C-alpha atoms as a PDB file:
ATOM      1  CA  MET A   1      -4.671  -6.332   8.638  1.00  0.00           C
ATOM      2  CA  ARG A   2      -7.860  -6.260   6.589  1.00  0.00           C
ATOM      3  CA  GLU A   3      -9.079  -3.203   8.520  1.00  0.00           C
ATOM      4  CA  ARG A   4      -5.868  -1.352   7.692  1.00  0.00           C
ATOM      5  CA  ARG A   5      -6.269  -2.134   3.995  1.00  0.00           C
ATOM      6  CA  LEU A   6      -9.816  -0.822   4.090  1.00  0.00           C
ATOM      7  CA  GLU A   7      -8.623   2.309   5.878  1.00  0.00           C
ATOM      8  CA  ALA A   8      -5.904   2.875   3.266  1.00  0.00           C
ATOM      9  CA  LEU A   9      -8.393   2.444   0.418  1.00  0.00           C
ATOM     10  CA  LEU A  10     -10.813   4.811   2.120  1.00  0.00           C
ATOM     11  CA  LEU A  11      -8.197   7.522   2.565  1.00  0.00           C
ATOM     12  CA  GLN A  12      -7.185   7.082  -1.064  1.00  0.00           C
ATOM     13  CA  ALA A  13     -10.826   7.384  -2.153  1.00  0.00           C
ATOM     14  CA  LEU A  14     -11.042  10.652  -0.223  1.00  0.00           C
ATOM     15  CA  ALA A  15      -8.674  12.328  -2.664  1.00  0.00           C
ATOM     16  CA  ARG A  16     -11.859  14.192  -3.562  1.00  0.00           C
ATOM     17  CA  GLU A  17     -14.945  14.939  -1.489  1.00  0.00           C
ATOM     18  CA  ARG A  18     -17.534  12.162  -1.492  1.00  0.00           C
ATOM     19  CA  THR A  19     -20.797  11.244   0.156  1.00  0.00           C
ATOM     20  CA  LEU A  20     -21.233   8.074   2.181  1.00  0.00           C
ATOM     21  CA  GLU A  21     -23.040   6.453  -0.746  1.00  0.00           C
ATOM     22  CA  GLU A  22     -20.269   7.378  -3.187  1.00  0.00           C
ATOM     23  CA  LEU A  23     -17.619   5.990  -0.846  1.00  0.00           C
ATOM     24  CA  HIS A  24     -19.583   2.787  -0.347  1.00  0.00           C
ATOM     25  CA  ALA A  25     -19.944   2.300  -4.104  1.00  0.00           C
ATOM     26  CA  ALA A  26     -16.228   2.972  -4.656  1.00  0.00           C
ATOM     27  CA  LEU A  27     -15.014   0.582  -1.948  1.00  0.00           C
ATOM     28  CA  ARG A  28     -17.523  -2.241  -2.277  1.00  0.00           C
ATOM     29  CA  PRO A  29     -15.743  -3.968  -5.213  1.00  0.00           C
ATOM     30  CA  PHE A  30     -12.647  -4.318  -3.019  1.00  0.00           C
ATOM     31  CA  HIS A  31     -14.603  -5.375   0.102  1.00  0.00           C
ATOM     32  CA  PRO A  32     -17.826  -7.123  -1.027  1.00  0.00           C
ATOM     33  CA  GLY A  33     -19.112  -7.567   2.540  1.00  0.00           C
ATOM     34  CA  LEU A  34     -18.690  -3.889   3.410  1.00  0.00           C
ATOM     35  CA  THR A  35     -21.834  -2.375   4.870  1.00  0.00           C
ATOM     36  CA  LYS A  36     -22.613   1.322   5.048  1.00  0.00           C
ATOM     37  CA  ALA A  37     -22.779   1.014   8.835  1.00  0.00           C
ATOM     38  CA  ARG A  38     -19.234  -0.369   9.042  1.00  0.00           C
ATOM     39  CA  LEU A  39     -17.969   2.262   6.617  1.00  0.00           C
ATOM     40  CA  PHE A  40     -19.646   5.014   8.625  1.00  0.00           C
ATOM     41  CA  ALA A  41     -18.125   3.680  11.856  1.00  0.00           C
ATOM     42  CA  LEU A  42     -14.675   3.790  10.255  1.00  0.00           C
ATOM     43  CA  LEU A  43     -15.292   7.349   9.041  1.00  0.00           C
ATOM     44  CA  VAL A  44     -16.368   8.409  12.535  1.00  0.00           C
ATOM     45  CA  ARG A  45     -13.199   6.912  14.041  1.00  0.00           C
ATOM     46  CA  LEU A  46     -11.019   8.658  11.460  1.00  0.00           C
ATOM     47  CA  ARG A  47     -12.861  11.914  12.106  1.00  0.00           C
ATOM     48  CA  ARG A  48     -12.176  11.621  15.836  1.00  0.00           C
ATOM     49  CA  GLU A  49      -8.510  11.044  15.023  1.00  0.00           C
ATOM     50  CA  GLY A  50      -8.540  14.222  12.914  1.00  0.00           C
ATOM     51  CA  ARG A  51      -7.797  12.483   9.622  1.00  0.00           C
ATOM     52  CA  VAL A  52     -11.198  12.967   7.965  1.00  0.00           C
ATOM     53  CA  ALA A  53     -13.525  15.966   7.907  1.00  0.00           C
ATOM     54  CA  PHE A  54     -17.268  16.093   7.275  1.00  0.00           C
ATOM     55  CA  GLU A  55     -18.884  19.164   5.777  1.00  0.00           C
ATOM     56  CA  GLY A  56     -22.053  19.720   3.797  1.00  0.00           C
ATOM     57  CA  GLY A  57     -22.924  16.024   3.656  1.00  0.00           C
ATOM     58  CA  ARG A  58     -19.558  15.093   2.165  1.00  0.00           C
ATOM     59  CA  PHE A  59     -16.409  13.554   3.605  1.00  0.00           C
ATOM     60  CA  ARG A  60     -12.909  14.744   2.754  1.00  0.00           C
ATOM     61  CA  LEU A  61      -9.373  14.451   4.067  1.00  0.00           C
ATOM     62  CA  ALA A  62      -8.886  16.776   7.020  1.00  0.00           C
ATOM     63  CA  GLY A  63      -6.724  19.818   6.453  1.00  0.00           C
ATOM     64  CA  GLU A  64      -7.323  19.874   2.720  1.00  0.00           C
ATOM     65  CA  ARG A  65      -9.762  21.980   0.794  1.00  0.00           C
ATOM     66  CA  VAL A  66     -10.806  19.946  -2.216  1.00  0.00           C
ATOM     67  CA  SER A  67     -13.337  21.189  -4.702  1.00  0.00           C
ATOM     68  CA  PRO A  68     -15.985  18.568  -5.514  1.00  0.00           C
ATOM     69  CA  ASP A  69     -15.827  16.991  -8.941  1.00  0.00           C
ATOM     70  CA  PRO A  70     -18.919  17.536 -11.096  1.00  0.00           C
END
């Protein structure tokens, strides 16, 4: 259950392109024990499932072209 909540928050945070560090900073208040390694593992799994894309050092939702916020 907790993993699904984290996944939902992560997908919501990917409404715009973000780096691993930006994602970690955005999600850490909701999951204080979240490590970058665990977050990266989740991103890799979601990428394999075709739900997340990685390009130019930034993660985004797959199938969407989102311009990075300044």
